[in-house]
Amino acid sequence: MTAPKLSPADMDRLSRLSYDLAHNPKTRAHFARLVEEVDPQSAKAFSDVAVDRKLNAFMQKFENERLQERMAGVQNARESQKQQVIKKRGYSAEQVQELEKIQTAYGLTDWIAAADIYATRNPPDNPDLKPPPEYLDGSTWDFPTVPGPDGKMLPFKDYISNPRKYSNNTAIQMITDFKRGRLPSAFHGNN
C-alpha cells in the first residue's frame, strides 16, 4: 500500500490525533492494537500496553482459578450438608428428590431449610393421635348425641332429624339442673 500524498496541515492534524490517541489512557490500548496490526515494528513503542495485557490476562486467569476453588468449596459444603441431613433424618431417595424439588421451587441452597419445610409439610405419624390397636380392626363407632327426655342417649337418626330441637332441649335441661344445684345426668356417665 502506497502512502497518500498529504498536505503539511493534514500531516500535522493526523500526527496530533495519533499523539492524542497514543497518550490518552482510555484509547492507548486500542490504538496500540491498531498499530500492531498495521506496523508491528512501530508497536514496540507500546510495550507497556503489551505488559498490561499480559498482566491482565494473568490476573484474570488467577481470579478464575480462585473462583473455581470457591465454587468447588461451596459445592463440597452443600454435598456434605446434604449427606448430614440424609443421615440425621433418615430420608429415602424419594424424599431426597422431594427436598430437591423444594429447593428448586424456593430457590434454596440450604438442605436444612429444605428439610425443615419438608418435615413441616410431611410430619411423621404421631402414635398418640391414633386409636389403640385393638380398636383398629372391625370397630364401629357411634356418633355422639344428646340425652332424650327420658335421660337416655338419643339414637343418632333421631338426633339428626332435628338437631336444633334436641340440642336446645338438652341445654335447657342442663341449665335447669345447674340452677337446682345438681349435676345433670349427662355427666353421670349413665347411658
N, C-alpha and C. Protein backbone atom coordinates (compact mmCIF):
# COMPACT_ATOMS: atom_id res chain seq x y z
N MET A 1 0.85 -1.17 0.00
CA MET A 1 0.00 0.00 0.00
C MET A 1 0.89 1.24 0.00
N THR A 2 0.63 2.13 -0.90
CA THR A 2 1.43 3.35 -1.00
C THR A 2 0.83 4.42 -0.13
N ALA A 3 1.69 5.22 0.47
CA ALA A 3 1.23 6.29 1.35
C ALA A 3 0.63 7.41 0.51
N PRO A 4 -0.49 7.94 0.95
CA PRO A 4 -1.09 9.04 0.18
C PRO A 4 -0.29 10.32 0.36
N LYS A 5 -0.40 11.18 -0.60
CA LYS A 5 0.24 12.50 -0.53
C LYS A 5 -0.64 13.41 0.32
N LEU A 6 -0.09 13.86 1.43
CA LEU A 6 -0.85 14.71 2.35
C LEU A 6 -0.20 16.09 2.42
N SER A 7 -1.03 17.05 2.64
CA SER A 7 -0.51 18.41 2.82
C SER A 7 0.12 18.49 4.21
N PRO A 8 1.02 19.45 4.42
CA PRO A 8 1.62 19.60 5.75
C PRO A 8 0.57 19.82 6.85
N ALA A 9 -0.53 20.50 6.53
CA ALA A 9 -1.58 20.75 7.53
C ALA A 9 -2.26 19.42 7.90
N ASP A 10 -2.57 18.55 6.89
CA ASP A 10 -3.19 17.26 7.17
C ASP A 10 -2.24 16.37 7.96
N MET A 11 -0.96 16.43 7.59
CA MET A 11 0.03 15.63 8.30
C MET A 11 0.11 16.07 9.76
N ASP A 12 0.08 17.36 9.98
CA ASP A 12 0.15 17.88 11.35
C ASP A 12 -1.10 17.46 12.13
N ARG A 13 -2.28 17.60 11.51
CA ARG A 13 -3.53 17.23 12.16
C ARG A 13 -3.54 15.73 12.51
N LEU A 14 -3.14 14.86 11.59
CA LEU A 14 -3.13 13.42 11.83
C LEU A 14 -2.08 13.02 12.85
N SER A 15 -0.92 13.70 12.84
CA SER A 15 0.10 13.37 13.83
C SER A 15 -0.36 13.78 15.23
N ARG A 16 -1.05 14.90 15.35
CA ARG A 16 -1.61 15.30 16.66
C ARG A 16 -2.68 14.28 17.11
N LEU A 17 -3.52 13.86 16.18
CA LEU A 17 -4.54 12.87 16.51
C LEU A 17 -3.88 11.56 16.98
N SER A 18 -2.86 11.13 16.28
CA SER A 18 -2.14 9.91 16.68
C SER A 18 -1.51 10.09 18.05
N TYR A 19 -0.90 11.25 18.26
CA TYR A 19 -0.28 11.52 19.56
C TYR A 19 -1.34 11.47 20.67
N ASP A 20 -2.49 12.13 20.43
CA ASP A 20 -3.55 12.15 21.44
C ASP A 20 -4.09 10.74 21.72
N LEU A 21 -4.29 9.96 20.67
CA LEU A 21 -4.77 8.59 20.85
C LEU A 21 -3.76 7.73 21.60
N ALA A 22 -2.48 7.93 21.31
CA ALA A 22 -1.44 7.12 21.94
C ALA A 22 -1.21 7.49 23.39
N HIS A 23 -1.53 8.71 23.80
CA HIS A 23 -1.26 9.15 25.16
C HIS A 23 -2.52 9.29 26.04
N ASN A 24 -3.66 9.00 25.48
CA ASN A 24 -4.90 9.03 26.27
C ASN A 24 -5.07 7.65 26.92
N PRO A 25 -5.20 7.58 28.26
CA PRO A 25 -5.32 6.27 28.93
C PRO A 25 -6.54 5.46 28.45
N LYS A 26 -7.57 6.14 27.99
CA LYS A 26 -8.77 5.43 27.54
C LYS A 26 -8.57 4.80 26.17
N THR A 27 -7.72 5.38 25.33
CA THR A 27 -7.59 4.90 23.95
C THR A 27 -6.24 4.25 23.66
N ARG A 28 -5.30 4.33 24.58
CA ARG A 28 -3.93 3.84 24.31
C ARG A 28 -3.91 2.35 23.93
N ALA A 29 -4.62 1.50 24.68
CA ALA A 29 -4.60 0.06 24.41
C ALA A 29 -5.22 -0.25 23.05
N HIS A 30 -6.31 0.40 22.71
CA HIS A 30 -6.95 0.18 21.41
C HIS A 30 -6.05 0.67 20.27
N PHE A 31 -5.44 1.82 20.47
CA PHE A 31 -4.56 2.38 19.43
C PHE A 31 -3.34 1.47 19.25
N ALA A 32 -2.81 0.93 20.34
CA ALA A 32 -1.65 0.03 20.25
C ALA A 32 -2.00 -1.22 19.45
N ARG A 33 -3.20 -1.74 19.61
CA ARG A 33 -3.62 -2.91 18.82
C ARG A 33 -3.68 -2.56 17.33
N LEU A 34 -4.19 -1.38 17.03
CA LEU A 34 -4.27 -0.97 15.62
C LEU A 34 -2.86 -0.81 15.03
N VAL A 35 -1.97 -0.20 15.78
CA VAL A 35 -0.59 -0.02 15.30
C VAL A 35 0.07 -1.38 15.10
N GLU A 36 -0.17 -2.30 16.02
CA GLU A 36 0.41 -3.64 15.92
C GLU A 36 -0.09 -4.36 14.66
N GLU A 37 -1.33 -4.14 14.27
CA GLU A 37 -1.87 -4.74 13.05
C GLU A 37 -1.23 -4.15 11.80
N VAL A 38 -1.03 -2.83 11.81
CA VAL A 38 -0.54 -2.14 10.62
C VAL A 38 0.99 -2.16 10.52
N ASP A 39 1.66 -1.90 11.63
CA ASP A 39 3.13 -1.80 11.62
C ASP A 39 3.70 -2.41 12.90
N PRO A 40 3.96 -3.72 12.90
CA PRO A 40 4.44 -4.39 14.12
C PRO A 40 5.74 -3.79 14.67
N GLN A 41 6.59 -3.24 13.82
CA GLN A 41 7.84 -2.62 14.30
C GLN A 41 7.54 -1.40 15.16
N SER A 42 6.58 -0.60 14.73
CA SER A 42 6.24 0.61 15.49
C SER A 42 5.50 0.26 16.79
N ALA A 43 4.93 -0.93 16.85
CA ALA A 43 4.18 -1.35 18.04
C ALA A 43 5.10 -1.53 19.24
N LYS A 44 6.42 -1.63 19.00
CA LYS A 44 7.35 -1.76 20.12
C LYS A 44 7.31 -0.53 21.03
N ALA A 45 6.86 0.58 20.51
CA ALA A 45 6.74 1.80 21.31
C ALA A 45 5.65 1.64 22.37
N PHE A 46 4.79 0.65 22.20
CA PHE A 46 3.69 0.40 23.14
C PHE A 46 3.94 -0.84 23.98
N SER A 47 5.16 -1.07 24.37
CA SER A 47 5.50 -2.26 25.16
C SER A 47 4.76 -2.29 26.50
N ASP A 48 4.46 -1.12 27.06
CA ASP A 48 3.72 -1.07 28.32
C ASP A 48 2.30 -1.64 28.16
N VAL A 49 1.73 -1.43 26.99
CA VAL A 49 0.39 -1.95 26.73
C VAL A 49 0.44 -3.49 26.66
N ALA A 50 1.48 -4.01 26.03
CA ALA A 50 1.63 -5.47 25.94
C ALA A 50 1.83 -6.06 27.33
N VAL A 51 2.62 -5.41 28.17
CA VAL A 51 2.84 -5.88 29.54
C VAL A 51 1.52 -5.83 30.33
N ASP A 52 0.79 -4.74 30.16
CA ASP A 52 -0.51 -4.62 30.84
C ASP A 52 -1.46 -5.72 30.38
N ARG A 53 -1.46 -6.00 29.09
CA ARG A 53 -2.34 -7.03 28.54
C ARG A 53 -1.99 -8.40 29.15
N LYS A 54 -0.69 -8.69 29.22
CA LYS A 54 -0.26 -9.97 29.79
C LYS A 54 -0.60 -10.04 31.29
N LEU A 55 -0.38 -8.93 31.98
CA LEU A 55 -0.68 -8.89 33.41
C LEU A 55 -2.19 -9.07 33.64
N ASN A 56 -3.00 -8.39 32.84
CA ASN A 56 -4.45 -8.53 32.98
C ASN A 56 -4.90 -9.96 32.68
N ALA A 57 -4.29 -10.58 31.67
CA ALA A 57 -4.64 -11.98 31.35
C ALA A 57 -4.25 -12.89 32.51
N PHE A 58 -3.08 -12.66 33.09
CA PHE A 58 -2.65 -13.46 34.24
C PHE A 58 -3.59 -13.26 35.43
N MET A 59 -3.94 -12.01 35.70
CA MET A 59 -4.83 -11.71 36.82
C MET A 59 -6.21 -12.34 36.60
N GLN A 60 -6.70 -12.29 35.35
CA GLN A 60 -7.99 -12.89 35.05
C GLN A 60 -7.94 -14.40 35.26
N LYS A 61 -6.86 -15.01 34.81
CA LYS A 61 -6.69 -16.45 34.99
C LYS A 61 -6.63 -16.79 36.48
N PHE A 62 -5.90 -15.99 37.24
CA PHE A 62 -5.78 -16.20 38.68
C PHE A 62 -7.15 -16.07 39.36
N GLU A 63 -7.90 -15.04 39.00
CA GLU A 63 -9.24 -14.83 39.58
C GLU A 63 -10.18 -15.97 39.21
N ASN A 64 -10.09 -16.45 37.97
CA ASN A 64 -10.93 -17.56 37.54
C ASN A 64 -10.61 -18.82 38.33
N GLU A 65 -9.31 -19.07 38.58
CA GLU A 65 -8.92 -20.23 39.37
C GLU A 65 -9.43 -20.12 40.81
N ARG A 66 -9.31 -18.93 41.38
CA ARG A 66 -9.81 -18.72 42.74
C ARG A 66 -11.32 -18.90 42.80
N LEU A 67 -12.00 -18.40 41.77
CA LEU A 67 -13.46 -18.55 41.72
C LEU A 67 -13.83 -20.03 41.61
N GLN A 68 -13.09 -20.78 40.79
CA GLN A 68 -13.35 -22.21 40.65
C GLN A 68 -13.12 -22.93 41.99
N GLU A 69 -12.07 -22.55 42.71
CA GLU A 69 -11.81 -23.15 44.02
C GLU A 69 -12.94 -22.85 45.00
N ARG A 70 -13.41 -21.61 45.02
CA ARG A 70 -14.51 -21.25 45.92
C ARG A 70 -15.78 -21.99 45.54
N MET A 71 -16.04 -22.08 44.24
CA MET A 71 -17.24 -22.80 43.80
C MET A 71 -17.17 -24.28 44.19
N ALA A 72 -15.98 -24.86 44.05
CA ALA A 72 -15.80 -26.26 44.44
C ALA A 72 -15.99 -26.41 45.95
N GLY A 73 -15.48 -25.46 46.72
CA GLY A 73 -15.65 -25.49 48.18
C GLY A 73 -17.12 -25.39 48.57
N VAL A 74 -17.84 -24.51 47.91
CA VAL A 74 -19.27 -24.35 48.20
C VAL A 74 -20.01 -25.63 47.82
N GLN A 75 -19.67 -26.20 46.67
CA GLN A 75 -20.33 -27.44 46.23
C GLN A 75 -20.05 -28.57 47.21
N ASN A 76 -18.81 -28.67 47.67
CA ASN A 76 -18.45 -29.70 48.65
C ASN A 76 -19.21 -29.50 49.96
N ALA A 77 -19.34 -28.24 50.39
CA ALA A 77 -20.07 -27.94 51.62
C ALA A 77 -21.54 -28.31 51.48
N ARG A 78 -22.13 -28.00 50.32
CA ARG A 78 -23.54 -28.35 50.08
C ARG A 78 -23.72 -29.87 50.08
N GLU A 79 -22.82 -30.58 49.43
CA GLU A 79 -22.92 -32.04 49.37
C GLU A 79 -22.75 -32.63 50.77
N SER A 80 -21.83 -32.06 51.56
CA SER A 80 -21.63 -32.53 52.93
C SER A 80 -22.89 -32.28 53.76
N GLN A 81 -23.48 -31.09 53.61
CA GLN A 81 -24.70 -30.77 54.34
C GLN A 81 -25.84 -31.71 53.91
N LYS A 82 -25.91 -32.01 52.63
CA LYS A 82 -26.93 -32.94 52.12
C LYS A 82 -26.78 -34.30 52.78
N GLN A 83 -25.55 -34.81 52.82
CA GLN A 83 -25.32 -36.13 53.42
C GLN A 83 -25.64 -36.12 54.91
N GLN A 84 -25.32 -35.02 55.60
CA GLN A 84 -25.64 -34.92 57.03
C GLN A 84 -27.15 -34.94 57.26
N VAL A 85 -27.89 -34.20 56.42
CA VAL A 85 -29.35 -34.16 56.56
C VAL A 85 -29.94 -35.54 56.30
N ILE A 86 -29.46 -36.21 55.25
CA ILE A 86 -29.98 -37.54 54.91
C ILE A 86 -29.69 -38.51 56.05
N LYS A 87 -28.48 -38.46 56.59
CA LYS A 87 -28.10 -39.38 57.66
C LYS A 87 -28.87 -39.07 58.95
N LYS A 88 -28.94 -37.80 59.32
CA LYS A 88 -29.58 -37.42 60.58
C LYS A 88 -31.08 -37.69 60.56
N ARG A 89 -31.74 -37.38 59.44
CA ARG A 89 -33.19 -37.51 59.39
C ARG A 89 -33.66 -38.81 58.73
N GLY A 90 -32.71 -39.57 58.19
CA GLY A 90 -33.04 -40.87 57.62
C GLY A 90 -33.93 -40.81 56.40
N TYR A 91 -33.67 -39.88 55.49
CA TYR A 91 -34.50 -39.73 54.30
C TYR A 91 -34.19 -40.80 53.26
N SER A 92 -35.22 -41.20 52.54
CA SER A 92 -35.06 -42.15 51.43
C SER A 92 -34.73 -41.37 50.15
N ALA A 93 -34.46 -42.11 49.07
CA ALA A 93 -34.14 -41.47 47.80
C ALA A 93 -35.32 -40.63 47.30
N GLU A 94 -36.54 -41.12 47.50
CA GLU A 94 -37.73 -40.38 47.07
C GLU A 94 -37.87 -39.08 47.87
N GLN A 95 -37.59 -39.17 49.15
CA GLN A 95 -37.68 -37.97 49.99
C GLN A 95 -36.61 -36.95 49.61
N VAL A 96 -35.42 -37.43 49.25
CA VAL A 96 -34.35 -36.52 48.81
C VAL A 96 -34.77 -35.81 47.53
N GLN A 97 -35.47 -36.52 46.63
CA GLN A 97 -35.97 -35.87 45.42
C GLN A 97 -37.00 -34.80 45.76
N GLU A 98 -37.82 -35.06 46.77
CA GLU A 98 -38.79 -34.05 47.22
C GLU A 98 -38.06 -32.83 47.79
N LEU A 99 -36.98 -33.07 48.52
CA LEU A 99 -36.18 -31.95 49.04
C LEU A 99 -35.62 -31.11 47.90
N GLU A 100 -35.14 -31.79 46.86
CA GLU A 100 -34.59 -31.07 45.70
C GLU A 100 -35.67 -30.24 45.01
N LYS A 101 -36.89 -30.77 44.94
CA LYS A 101 -38.00 -30.01 44.35
C LYS A 101 -38.30 -28.76 45.19
N ILE A 102 -38.25 -28.92 46.50
CA ILE A 102 -38.48 -27.77 47.38
C ILE A 102 -37.40 -26.72 47.17
N GLN A 103 -36.15 -27.17 47.08
CA GLN A 103 -35.05 -26.23 46.85
C GLN A 103 -35.24 -25.48 45.54
N THR A 104 -35.64 -26.18 44.52
CA THR A 104 -35.86 -25.55 43.22
C THR A 104 -37.02 -24.56 43.28
N ALA A 105 -38.10 -24.98 43.92
CA ALA A 105 -39.29 -24.12 43.99
C ALA A 105 -39.03 -22.82 44.75
N TYR A 106 -38.22 -22.90 45.81
CA TYR A 106 -37.99 -21.72 46.64
C TYR A 106 -36.61 -21.09 46.42
N GLY A 107 -35.83 -21.63 45.50
CA GLY A 107 -34.50 -21.08 45.24
C GLY A 107 -33.56 -21.25 46.42
N LEU A 108 -33.67 -22.36 47.12
CA LEU A 108 -32.85 -22.60 48.30
C LEU A 108 -31.59 -23.37 47.94
N THR A 109 -30.52 -23.11 48.67
CA THR A 109 -29.32 -23.93 48.56
C THR A 109 -29.06 -24.65 49.88
N ASP A 110 -29.81 -24.29 50.89
CA ASP A 110 -29.64 -24.84 52.23
C ASP A 110 -30.48 -26.10 52.39
N TRP A 111 -29.81 -27.24 52.58
CA TRP A 111 -30.51 -28.51 52.72
C TRP A 111 -31.30 -28.58 54.01
N ILE A 112 -30.80 -27.96 55.06
CA ILE A 112 -31.51 -27.99 56.35
C ILE A 112 -32.83 -27.25 56.23
N ALA A 113 -32.82 -26.10 55.57
CA ALA A 113 -34.06 -25.34 55.39
C ALA A 113 -35.06 -26.14 54.56
N ALA A 114 -34.59 -26.78 53.50
CA ALA A 114 -35.48 -27.60 52.67
C ALA A 114 -36.03 -28.77 53.48
N ALA A 115 -35.19 -29.38 54.31
CA ALA A 115 -35.64 -30.50 55.14
C ALA A 115 -36.67 -30.03 56.18
N ASP A 116 -36.49 -28.83 56.71
CA ASP A 116 -37.46 -28.29 57.66
C ASP A 116 -38.81 -28.05 57.00
N ILE A 117 -38.79 -27.51 55.79
CA ILE A 117 -40.04 -27.29 55.05
C ILE A 117 -40.71 -28.64 54.77
N TYR A 118 -39.92 -29.61 54.34
CA TYR A 118 -40.46 -30.94 54.05
C TYR A 118 -41.06 -31.57 55.30
N ALA A 119 -40.35 -31.44 56.43
CA ALA A 119 -40.84 -32.02 57.68
C ALA A 119 -42.14 -31.35 58.14
N THR A 120 -42.26 -30.05 57.88
CA THR A 120 -43.49 -29.35 58.24
C THR A 120 -44.65 -29.82 57.39
N ARG A 121 -44.39 -30.04 56.11
CA ARG A 121 -45.45 -30.48 55.20
C ARG A 121 -45.78 -31.96 55.37
N ASN A 122 -44.82 -32.76 55.79
CA ASN A 122 -45.00 -34.20 55.91
C ASN A 122 -44.58 -34.66 57.30
N PRO A 123 -45.36 -34.30 58.32
CA PRO A 123 -44.95 -34.68 59.68
C PRO A 123 -45.01 -36.20 59.86
N PRO A 124 -44.15 -36.74 60.70
CA PRO A 124 -44.20 -38.18 60.95
C PRO A 124 -45.47 -38.53 61.71
N ASP A 125 -45.90 -39.77 61.59
CA ASP A 125 -47.09 -40.21 62.30
C ASP A 125 -46.87 -40.12 63.80
N ASN A 126 -47.86 -39.59 64.50
CA ASN A 126 -47.81 -39.50 65.95
C ASN A 126 -48.67 -40.62 66.53
N PRO A 127 -48.05 -41.61 67.19
CA PRO A 127 -48.85 -42.74 67.71
C PRO A 127 -49.86 -42.31 68.76
N ASP A 128 -49.64 -41.16 69.41
CA ASP A 128 -50.58 -40.69 70.42
C ASP A 128 -51.91 -40.26 69.80
N LEU A 129 -51.89 -39.92 68.51
CA LEU A 129 -53.10 -39.44 67.85
C LEU A 129 -53.88 -40.57 67.18
N LYS A 130 -53.37 -41.80 67.26
CA LYS A 130 -54.04 -42.95 66.66
C LYS A 130 -54.81 -43.71 67.74
N PRO A 131 -55.89 -44.35 67.34
CA PRO A 131 -56.60 -45.18 68.32
C PRO A 131 -55.77 -46.40 68.69
N PRO A 132 -56.01 -46.96 69.82
CA PRO A 132 -55.26 -48.16 70.22
C PRO A 132 -55.44 -49.28 69.18
N PRO A 133 -54.45 -50.14 69.04
CA PRO A 133 -54.51 -51.19 68.01
C PRO A 133 -55.74 -52.10 68.12
N GLU A 134 -56.20 -52.35 69.33
CA GLU A 134 -57.35 -53.24 69.49
C GLU A 134 -58.64 -52.64 68.91
N TYR A 135 -58.65 -51.32 68.67
CA TYR A 135 -59.83 -50.68 68.10
C TYR A 135 -59.75 -50.49 66.59
N LEU A 136 -58.63 -50.84 66.00
CA LEU A 136 -58.45 -50.58 64.57
C LEU A 136 -59.23 -51.54 63.68
N ASP A 137 -59.24 -52.82 63.97
CA ASP A 137 -59.89 -53.80 63.10
C ASP A 137 -61.29 -54.11 63.58
N GLY A 138 -62.27 -53.94 62.70
CA GLY A 138 -63.64 -54.34 62.97
C GLY A 138 -64.37 -53.48 63.98
N SER A 139 -63.85 -52.35 64.33
CA SER A 139 -64.52 -51.50 65.31
C SER A 139 -65.56 -50.63 64.63
N THR A 140 -66.64 -50.38 65.32
CA THR A 140 -67.64 -49.43 64.84
C THR A 140 -67.75 -48.33 65.88
N TRP A 141 -68.06 -47.19 65.39
CA TRP A 141 -68.15 -46.03 66.26
C TRP A 141 -69.54 -45.42 66.13
N ASP A 142 -70.05 -44.93 67.26
CA ASP A 142 -71.33 -44.23 67.26
C ASP A 142 -71.05 -42.74 67.35
N PHE A 143 -71.86 -41.98 66.62
CA PHE A 143 -71.74 -40.53 66.73
C PHE A 143 -72.32 -40.10 68.06
N PRO A 144 -71.69 -39.12 68.69
CA PRO A 144 -72.24 -38.65 69.97
C PRO A 144 -73.56 -37.92 69.74
N THR A 145 -74.46 -38.10 70.66
CA THR A 145 -75.74 -37.39 70.58
C THR A 145 -76.01 -36.77 71.94
N VAL A 146 -77.26 -36.42 72.18
CA VAL A 146 -77.65 -35.78 73.45
C VAL A 146 -78.67 -36.67 74.16
N PRO A 147 -78.83 -36.47 75.47
CA PRO A 147 -79.85 -37.27 76.18
C PRO A 147 -81.26 -36.85 75.74
N GLY A 148 -82.13 -37.82 75.66
CA GLY A 148 -83.52 -37.54 75.33
C GLY A 148 -84.30 -37.17 76.59
N PRO A 149 -85.62 -37.02 76.47
CA PRO A 149 -86.45 -36.64 77.63
C PRO A 149 -86.41 -37.68 78.75
N ASP A 150 -86.13 -38.95 78.38
CA ASP A 150 -86.09 -39.99 79.41
C ASP A 150 -84.71 -40.12 80.05
N GLY A 151 -83.71 -39.31 79.60
CA GLY A 151 -82.37 -39.34 80.16
C GLY A 151 -81.42 -40.26 79.43
N LYS A 152 -81.94 -41.10 78.54
CA LYS A 152 -81.09 -41.99 77.75
C LYS A 152 -80.62 -41.26 76.50
N MET A 153 -79.46 -41.67 75.97
CA MET A 153 -78.92 -41.03 74.78
C MET A 153 -79.83 -41.36 73.58
N LEU A 154 -80.10 -40.33 72.79
CA LEU A 154 -80.95 -40.50 71.62
C LEU A 154 -80.20 -41.26 70.54
N PRO A 155 -80.87 -42.07 69.77
CA PRO A 155 -80.22 -42.64 68.59
C PRO A 155 -79.84 -41.52 67.63
N PHE A 156 -78.75 -41.72 66.91
CA PHE A 156 -78.24 -40.66 66.02
C PHE A 156 -79.27 -40.28 64.96
N LYS A 157 -80.03 -41.24 64.45
CA LYS A 157 -81.04 -40.94 63.43
C LYS A 157 -82.09 -39.97 63.96
N ASP A 158 -82.49 -40.17 65.21
CA ASP A 158 -83.48 -39.26 65.80
C ASP A 158 -82.86 -37.87 66.01
N TYR A 159 -81.62 -37.86 66.50
CA TYR A 159 -80.95 -36.58 66.76
C TYR A 159 -80.76 -35.77 65.47
N ILE A 160 -80.31 -36.42 64.41
CA ILE A 160 -80.01 -35.71 63.17
C ILE A 160 -81.29 -35.24 62.47
N SER A 161 -82.42 -35.85 62.80
CA SER A 161 -83.68 -35.41 62.17
C SER A 161 -84.03 -33.99 62.61
N ASN A 162 -83.68 -33.59 63.85
CA ASN A 162 -83.95 -32.24 64.32
C ASN A 162 -82.90 -31.87 65.38
N PRO A 163 -81.65 -31.63 64.96
CA PRO A 163 -80.59 -31.38 65.96
C PRO A 163 -80.82 -30.11 66.77
N ARG A 164 -81.43 -29.11 66.19
CA ARG A 164 -81.65 -27.85 66.92
C ARG A 164 -82.60 -28.10 68.11
N LYS A 165 -83.67 -28.81 67.85
CA LYS A 165 -84.66 -29.08 68.91
C LYS A 165 -84.01 -29.84 70.06
N TYR A 166 -83.32 -30.93 69.74
CA TYR A 166 -82.75 -31.77 70.80
C TYR A 166 -81.59 -31.07 71.52
N SER A 167 -80.81 -30.29 70.79
CA SER A 167 -79.72 -29.54 71.44
C SER A 167 -80.27 -28.49 72.37
N ASN A 168 -81.31 -27.77 71.93
CA ASN A 168 -81.93 -26.75 72.80
C ASN A 168 -82.55 -27.39 74.04
N ASN A 169 -83.26 -28.49 73.84
CA ASN A 169 -83.87 -29.19 74.99
C ASN A 169 -82.80 -29.62 75.99
N THR A 170 -81.70 -30.16 75.49
CA THR A 170 -80.61 -30.61 76.37
C THR A 170 -80.00 -29.42 77.10
N ALA A 171 -79.79 -28.32 76.40
CA ALA A 171 -79.21 -27.13 77.03
C ALA A 171 -80.12 -26.60 78.13
N ILE A 172 -81.41 -26.53 77.84
CA ILE A 172 -82.37 -26.04 78.84
C ILE A 172 -82.39 -26.97 80.05
N GLN A 173 -82.36 -28.28 79.81
CA GLN A 173 -82.38 -29.25 80.91
C GLN A 173 -81.12 -29.10 81.76
N MET A 174 -79.96 -28.93 81.14
CA MET A 174 -78.70 -28.79 81.88
C MET A 174 -78.68 -27.50 82.69
N ILE A 175 -79.16 -26.42 82.10
CA ILE A 175 -79.20 -25.13 82.82
C ILE A 175 -80.13 -25.25 84.03
N THR A 176 -81.25 -25.89 83.84
CA THR A 176 -82.20 -26.08 84.95
C THR A 176 -81.57 -26.91 86.05
N ASP A 177 -80.89 -27.98 85.67
CA ASP A 177 -80.22 -28.83 86.68
C ASP A 177 -79.14 -28.06 87.42
N PHE A 178 -78.37 -27.23 86.70
CA PHE A 178 -77.34 -26.43 87.37
C PHE A 178 -77.97 -25.44 88.35
N LYS A 179 -79.09 -24.85 87.96
CA LYS A 179 -79.76 -23.89 88.85
C LYS A 179 -80.27 -24.59 90.12
N ARG A 180 -80.68 -25.83 90.00
CA ARG A 180 -81.17 -26.58 91.15
C ARG A 180 -80.02 -27.12 92.00
N GLY A 181 -78.80 -26.99 91.47
CA GLY A 181 -77.64 -27.39 92.25
C GLY A 181 -77.30 -28.85 92.12
N ARG A 182 -77.75 -29.50 91.13
CA ARG A 182 -77.39 -30.90 90.95
C ARG A 182 -76.72 -31.07 89.58
N LEU A 183 -75.90 -32.07 89.50
CA LEU A 183 -75.16 -32.35 88.29
C LEU A 183 -76.09 -33.00 87.27
N PRO A 184 -76.14 -32.50 86.05
CA PRO A 184 -77.01 -33.09 85.04
C PRO A 184 -76.66 -34.56 84.80
N SER A 185 -77.66 -35.31 84.38
CA SER A 185 -77.46 -36.75 84.20
C SER A 185 -76.46 -37.06 83.13
N ALA A 186 -76.25 -36.19 82.19
CA ALA A 186 -75.27 -36.43 81.13
C ALA A 186 -73.85 -36.55 81.68
N PHE A 187 -73.61 -35.97 82.87
CA PHE A 187 -72.27 -36.03 83.47
C PHE A 187 -72.06 -37.26 84.34
N HIS A 188 -73.10 -38.03 84.58
CA HIS A 188 -73.00 -39.21 85.43
C HIS A 188 -72.43 -40.41 84.67
N GLY A 189 -72.45 -40.36 83.36
CA GLY A 189 -71.93 -41.48 82.58
C GLY A 189 -72.94 -42.59 82.42
N ASN A 190 -74.19 -42.35 82.78
CA ASN A 190 -75.25 -43.37 82.61
C ASN A 190 -75.78 -43.25 81.19
N ASN A 191 -75.82 -44.33 80.52
CA ASN A 191 -76.34 -44.30 79.14
C ASN A 191 -77.71 -44.91 79.10
